[in-house]
């Protein structure tokens, strides 16, 4: 545990465990995806451009849009926390190869649920416009493997693996491409200086979530700053891996069957 975190925990007497941060990230992601699926794509018929345009033009849609925006703002908290936990997993994993392989399998398994939730389609042209965020995590982990090696020669060289990693996310069109690589890089490179790390993360998250969601992602820094380096008492790691594809399928299923019922 970095010295600054140890001092903070002793000074404040509080701290959030790894499992607690995982729970916060999953909960806020669920809220985000509920807004996308149940409100935008469900209540406002977002899977159909014509119906969606008509729906949001109605007076009663205003309250749904307000609720949608609030839920998406809350959802911005999840990604920086997940990115932070990915770096923690990299640093503490007993078997890095298995860790990366698990995430790669999760990314592959989750792609169809992701396409259904976002596009209501499987393997269409639109589905290739963006891939689920776990692919970004995998690329970020591979970047850290290279950075750990090149850092033994020069810290400056770590910039080049980061540029290559962003290039891969850009070509593959993975979700949170630029923000993901930047955050994973910052969390790793500044891991021994909590204050500086959080300042940089605050700037990055605020800028990248400001246009649509007023910089709400900056709130994630509170949880990261209070991280105490412990695993925590509740271990729901198996559920954490299953949660990502399953919750997308469930949310999509709710919209799908509700539309059948309406029809």
Protein backbone atom coordinates (compact mmCIF):
# COMPACT_ATOMS: atom_id res chain seq x y z
CA UNK A 1 0.00 0.00 0.00
CA UNK A 2 1.47 3.41 -0.96
CA UNK A 3 2.62 5.51 1.98
CA UNK A 4 0.11 8.30 1.32
CA UNK A 5 -2.79 5.83 1.58
CA UNK A 6 -1.48 4.37 4.83
CA UNK A 7 -1.19 7.83 6.36
CA UNK A 8 -4.67 8.76 5.16
CA UNK A 9 -6.23 5.67 6.67
CA UNK A 10 -4.52 6.28 10.00
CA UNK A 11 -5.53 9.93 9.98
CA UNK A 12 -9.17 9.45 9.01
CA UNK A 13 -9.81 6.01 10.47
CA UNK A 14 -11.96 5.05 7.48
CA UNK A 15 -11.43 3.43 4.13
CA UNK A 16 -13.19 1.62 1.30
CA UNK A 17 -12.17 -1.92 0.39
CA UNK A 18 -11.69 -3.39 -3.07
CA UNK A 19 -15.00 -5.21 -2.83
CA UNK A 20 -16.83 -2.08 -1.70
CA UNK A 21 -15.50 -0.16 -4.72
CA UNK A 22 -16.58 -3.06 -6.95
CA UNK A 23 -20.07 -2.83 -5.52
CA UNK A 24 -20.25 0.92 -6.10
CA UNK A 25 -19.01 0.52 -9.67
CA UNK A 26 -21.51 -2.24 -10.47
CA UNK A 27 -24.42 -0.38 -8.88
CA UNK A 28 -23.72 2.89 -10.72
CA UNK A 29 -23.19 1.01 -13.99
CA UNK A 30 -26.55 -0.70 -13.49
CA UNK A 31 -28.23 2.69 -13.03
CA UNK A 32 -26.54 3.95 -16.18
CA UNK A 33 -27.64 0.96 -18.25
CA UNK A 34 -31.17 1.11 -16.84
CA UNK A 35 -31.41 4.67 -18.13
CA UNK A 36 -30.11 3.65 -21.54
CA UNK A 37 -32.22 0.52 -21.90
CA UNK A 38 -35.43 0.98 -19.92
CA UNK A 39 -35.92 4.72 -20.49
CA UNK A 40 -34.26 5.65 -23.78
CA UNK A 41 -34.64 2.38 -25.67
CA UNK A 42 -37.78 1.22 -23.86
CA UNK A 43 -40.06 3.98 -22.66
CA UNK A 44 -38.97 6.39 -25.42
CA UNK A 45 -38.63 3.72 -28.17
CA UNK A 46 -34.98 4.48 -28.82
CA UNK A 47 -34.45 1.37 -30.94
CA UNK A 48 -36.66 2.95 -33.60
CA UNK A 49 -35.53 6.37 -34.77
CA UNK A 50 -38.97 7.47 -36.00
CA UNK A 51 -40.80 6.37 -32.85
CA UNK A 52 -38.08 7.89 -30.67
CA UNK A 53 -38.32 11.27 -32.42
CA UNK A 54 -42.08 11.29 -31.93
CA UNK A 55 -41.84 10.13 -28.31
CA UNK A 56 -39.39 12.81 -27.13
CA UNK A 57 -41.53 15.50 -28.80
CA UNK A 58 -44.40 14.72 -26.42
CA UNK A 59 -44.81 16.88 -23.26
CA UNK A 60 -44.79 13.85 -20.95
CA UNK A 61 -41.37 12.86 -22.26
CA UNK A 62 -39.74 15.78 -20.44
CA UNK A 63 -39.79 14.08 -17.04
CA UNK A 64 -38.42 10.86 -18.50
CA UNK A 65 -35.57 12.77 -20.16
CA UNK A 66 -34.73 14.53 -16.89
CA UNK A 67 -34.67 11.19 -15.05
CA UNK A 68 -32.60 9.70 -17.87
CA UNK A 69 -29.98 12.44 -17.61
CA UNK A 70 -29.77 12.15 -13.81
CA UNK A 71 -29.28 8.39 -14.03
CA UNK A 72 -26.61 8.74 -16.72
CA UNK A 73 -24.80 11.31 -14.57
CA UNK A 74 -24.74 8.80 -11.72
CA UNK A 75 -23.57 6.15 -14.15
CA UNK A 76 -20.46 8.19 -15.04
CA UNK A 77 -19.07 7.29 -11.61
CA UNK A 78 -18.62 3.63 -12.53
CA UNK A 79 -16.00 3.67 -15.27
CA UNK A 80 -13.11 5.41 -13.45
CA UNK A 81 -13.61 3.06 -10.49
CA UNK A 82 -13.54 0.01 -12.76
CA UNK A 83 -10.39 1.33 -14.46
CA UNK A 84 -8.76 1.82 -11.05
CA UNK A 85 -9.67 -1.72 -9.98
CA UNK A 86 -8.25 -3.10 -13.23
CA UNK A 87 -4.88 -1.57 -12.33
CA UNK A 88 -5.15 -2.90 -8.77
CA UNK A 89 -5.85 -6.35 -10.22
CA UNK A 90 -2.79 -6.04 -12.45
CA UNK A 91 -0.58 -5.11 -9.50
CA UNK A 92 -1.86 -7.81 -7.16
CA UNK A 93 -2.77 -10.70 -9.45
CA UNK A 94 -1.02 -13.96 -8.62
CA UNK A 95 -1.35 -15.12 -12.23
CA UNK A 96 -1.41 -12.23 -14.67
CA UNK A 97 -1.92 -14.44 -17.71
CA UNK A 98 -5.10 -15.96 -16.24
CA UNK A 99 -6.31 -12.53 -15.21
CA UNK A 100 -5.98 -11.15 -18.73
CA UNK A 101 -7.49 -14.32 -20.22
CA UNK A 102 -10.53 -14.08 -17.93
CA UNK A 103 -11.16 -10.52 -19.00
CA UNK A 104 -10.70 -11.39 -22.68
CA UNK A 105 -13.23 -14.21 -22.39
CA UNK A 106 -15.59 -11.85 -20.58
CA UNK A 107 -15.22 -9.29 -23.36
CA UNK A 108 -16.03 -11.90 -26.02
CA UNK A 109 -18.98 -13.36 -24.10
CA UNK A 110 -20.37 -9.90 -23.36
CA UNK A 111 -20.34 -8.61 -26.93
CA UNK A 112 -23.69 -10.08 -27.99
CA UNK A 113 -25.50 -8.91 -24.81
CA UNK A 114 -23.91 -5.49 -25.34
CA UNK A 115 -25.04 -5.31 -28.98
CA UNK A 116 -28.56 -6.34 -28.02
CA UNK A 117 -28.77 -3.78 -25.24
CA UNK A 118 -27.36 -0.90 -27.27
CA UNK A 119 -28.56 -1.67 -30.80
CA UNK A 120 -31.26 -4.36 -30.51
CA UNK A 121 -29.21 -6.25 -33.09
CA UNK A 122 -26.53 -8.94 -33.32
CA UNK A 123 -23.53 -8.57 -35.60
CA UNK A 124 -25.02 -5.89 -37.84
CA UNK A 125 -22.96 -3.08 -39.34
CA UNK A 126 -24.04 -0.82 -36.50
CA UNK A 127 -22.76 -3.35 -33.97
CA UNK A 128 -19.25 -2.92 -35.34
CA UNK A 129 -19.35 0.82 -34.61
CA UNK A 130 -18.45 0.22 -30.97
CA UNK A 131 -17.31 -2.76 -28.89
CA UNK A 132 -17.94 -3.30 -25.19
CA UNK A 133 -15.66 -1.66 -22.65
CA UNK A 134 -14.03 -4.87 -21.41
CA UNK A 135 -11.97 -4.92 -24.62
CA UNK A 136 -10.57 -1.56 -23.52
CA UNK A 137 -9.62 -3.08 -20.17
CA UNK A 138 -7.83 -5.97 -21.88
CA UNK A 139 -5.86 -3.62 -24.10
CA UNK A 140 -5.08 -1.49 -21.05
CA UNK A 141 -3.73 -4.53 -19.20
CA UNK A 142 -1.53 -5.50 -22.15
CA UNK A 143 -0.27 -1.91 -22.15
CA UNK A 144 0.69 -2.24 -18.48
CA UNK A 145 2.59 -5.46 -19.17
CA UNK A 146 4.74 -3.61 -21.70
CA UNK A 147 5.07 -0.53 -19.48
CA UNK A 148 6.29 -2.62 -16.57
CA UNK A 149 9.04 -3.95 -18.84
CA UNK A 150 10.09 -0.68 -20.48
CA UNK A 151 10.08 1.19 -17.15
CA UNK A 152 13.15 -0.79 -16.19
CA UNK A 153 14.97 1.16 -18.91
CA UNK A 154 13.27 4.55 -18.86
CA UNK A 155 9.98 5.90 -17.55
CA UNK A 156 9.67 8.14 -20.58
CA UNK A 157 9.38 5.07 -22.79
CA UNK A 158 6.05 4.23 -21.13
CA UNK A 159 4.38 6.84 -23.32
CA UNK A 160 4.86 4.71 -26.44
CA UNK A 161 2.92 1.62 -25.21
CA UNK A 162 0.14 4.01 -24.19
CA UNK A 163 0.01 5.50 -27.68
CA UNK A 164 -0.06 2.03 -29.24
CA UNK A 165 -2.81 0.95 -26.84
CA UNK A 166 -4.94 3.95 -27.74
CA UNK A 167 -4.34 3.18 -31.42
CA UNK A 168 -5.70 -0.32 -30.88
CA UNK A 169 -8.78 0.91 -29.05
CA UNK A 170 -9.36 3.45 -31.81
CA UNK A 171 -9.07 0.88 -34.60
CA UNK A 172 -11.20 -1.69 -32.78
CA UNK A 173 -13.67 1.05 -31.73
CA UNK A 174 -13.87 -0.05 -28.12
CA UNK A 175 -15.98 1.86 -25.62
CA UNK A 176 -14.21 4.52 -23.50
CA UNK A 177 -11.16 4.19 -25.74
CA UNK A 178 -9.24 7.40 -25.03
CA UNK A 179 -10.50 7.91 -21.47
CA UNK A 180 -9.85 4.28 -20.62
CA UNK A 181 -6.24 4.25 -21.73
CA UNK A 182 -5.50 7.60 -20.09
CA UNK A 183 -7.02 6.57 -16.75
CA UNK A 184 -5.37 3.14 -16.66
CA UNK A 185 -2.05 4.79 -17.50
CA UNK A 186 -2.46 7.46 -14.80
CA UNK A 187 -3.60 4.99 -12.14
CA UNK A 188 -0.51 2.87 -12.74
CA UNK A 189 2.14 5.52 -13.30
CA UNK A 190 1.09 7.64 -10.29
CA UNK A 191 0.10 4.75 -8.00
CA UNK A 192 2.62 5.83 -5.33
CA UNK A 193 1.34 9.40 -5.09
CA UNK A 194 -2.34 9.29 -4.19
CA UNK A 195 -2.85 13.06 -4.09
CA UNK A 196 -1.28 13.74 -7.49
CA UNK A 197 -3.01 10.73 -9.02
CA UNK A 198 -6.43 11.90 -7.85
CA UNK A 199 -5.82 15.47 -9.04
CA UNK A 200 -5.00 14.21 -12.55
CA UNK A 201 -7.96 11.82 -12.52
CA UNK A 202 -10.28 14.63 -11.42
CA UNK A 203 -9.16 16.73 -14.38
CA UNK A 204 -9.47 13.89 -16.88
CA UNK A 205 -12.88 12.69 -15.69
CA UNK A 206 -14.30 16.19 -15.41
CA UNK A 207 -13.22 17.18 -18.92
CA UNK A 208 -14.35 13.95 -20.56
CA UNK A 209 -17.79 13.90 -18.93
CA UNK A 210 -18.49 17.62 -18.99
CA UNK A 211 -20.13 18.01 -22.40
CA UNK A 212 -23.10 15.70 -21.73
CA UNK A 213 -23.06 15.02 -18.01
CA UNK A 214 -21.54 18.13 -16.42
CA UNK A 215 -18.37 16.44 -15.23
CA UNK A 216 -20.23 14.07 -12.89
CA UNK A 217 -17.55 11.38 -13.34
CA UNK A 218 -15.35 13.47 -11.05
CA UNK A 219 -17.34 12.03 -8.11
CA UNK A 220 -15.60 8.69 -8.66
CA UNK A 221 -12.42 10.26 -7.27
CA UNK A 222 -13.97 10.36 -3.80
CA UNK A 223 -14.24 6.59 -3.68
CA UNK A 224 -10.79 6.09 -5.18
CA UNK A 225 -9.20 8.50 -2.71
CA UNK A 226 -10.77 6.62 0.22
CA UNK A 227 -9.58 3.23 -1.01
CA UNK A 228 -7.70 1.51 1.82
CA UNK A 229 -5.92 -1.20 -0.16
CA UNK A 230 -7.76 -4.10 1.52
CA UNK A 231 -9.81 -6.80 -0.16
CA UNK A 232 -12.82 -6.47 2.15
CA UNK A 233 -14.99 -9.06 3.83
CA UNK A 234 -17.55 -9.73 1.09
CA UNK A 235 -16.03 -11.55 -1.85
CA UNK A 236 -18.38 -11.62 -4.84
CA UNK A 237 -15.74 -11.92 -7.55
CA UNK A 238 -17.51 -14.76 -9.46
CA UNK A 239 -20.71 -12.72 -9.45
CA UNK A 240 -18.78 -9.64 -10.58
CA UNK A 241 -17.70 -11.35 -13.81
CA UNK A 242 -21.16 -12.77 -14.51
CA UNK A 243 -22.90 -9.50 -13.67
CA UNK A 244 -21.73 -7.62 -16.77
CA UNK A 245 -23.28 -9.79 -19.50
CA UNK A 246 -26.22 -10.97 -17.38
CA UNK A 247 -27.54 -7.57 -16.37
CA UNK A 248 -27.44 -6.41 -20.02
CA UNK A 249 -29.41 -9.46 -21.12
CA UNK A 250 -31.97 -8.96 -18.36
CA UNK A 251 -32.47 -5.27 -19.14
CA UNK A 252 -32.78 -6.01 -22.85
CA UNK A 253 -35.21 -8.84 -22.10
CA UNK A 254 -37.44 -6.49 -20.11
CA UNK A 255 -37.67 -4.07 -23.05
CA UNK A 256 -38.09 -6.86 -25.61
CA UNK A 257 -40.95 -8.63 -23.83
CA UNK A 258 -42.65 -5.39 -22.83
CA UNK A 259 -42.73 -4.40 -26.49
CA UNK A 260 -44.25 -7.75 -27.38
CA UNK A 261 -46.89 -7.25 -24.69
CA UNK A 262 -47.69 -3.75 -26.01
CA UNK A 263 -47.97 -5.14 -29.51
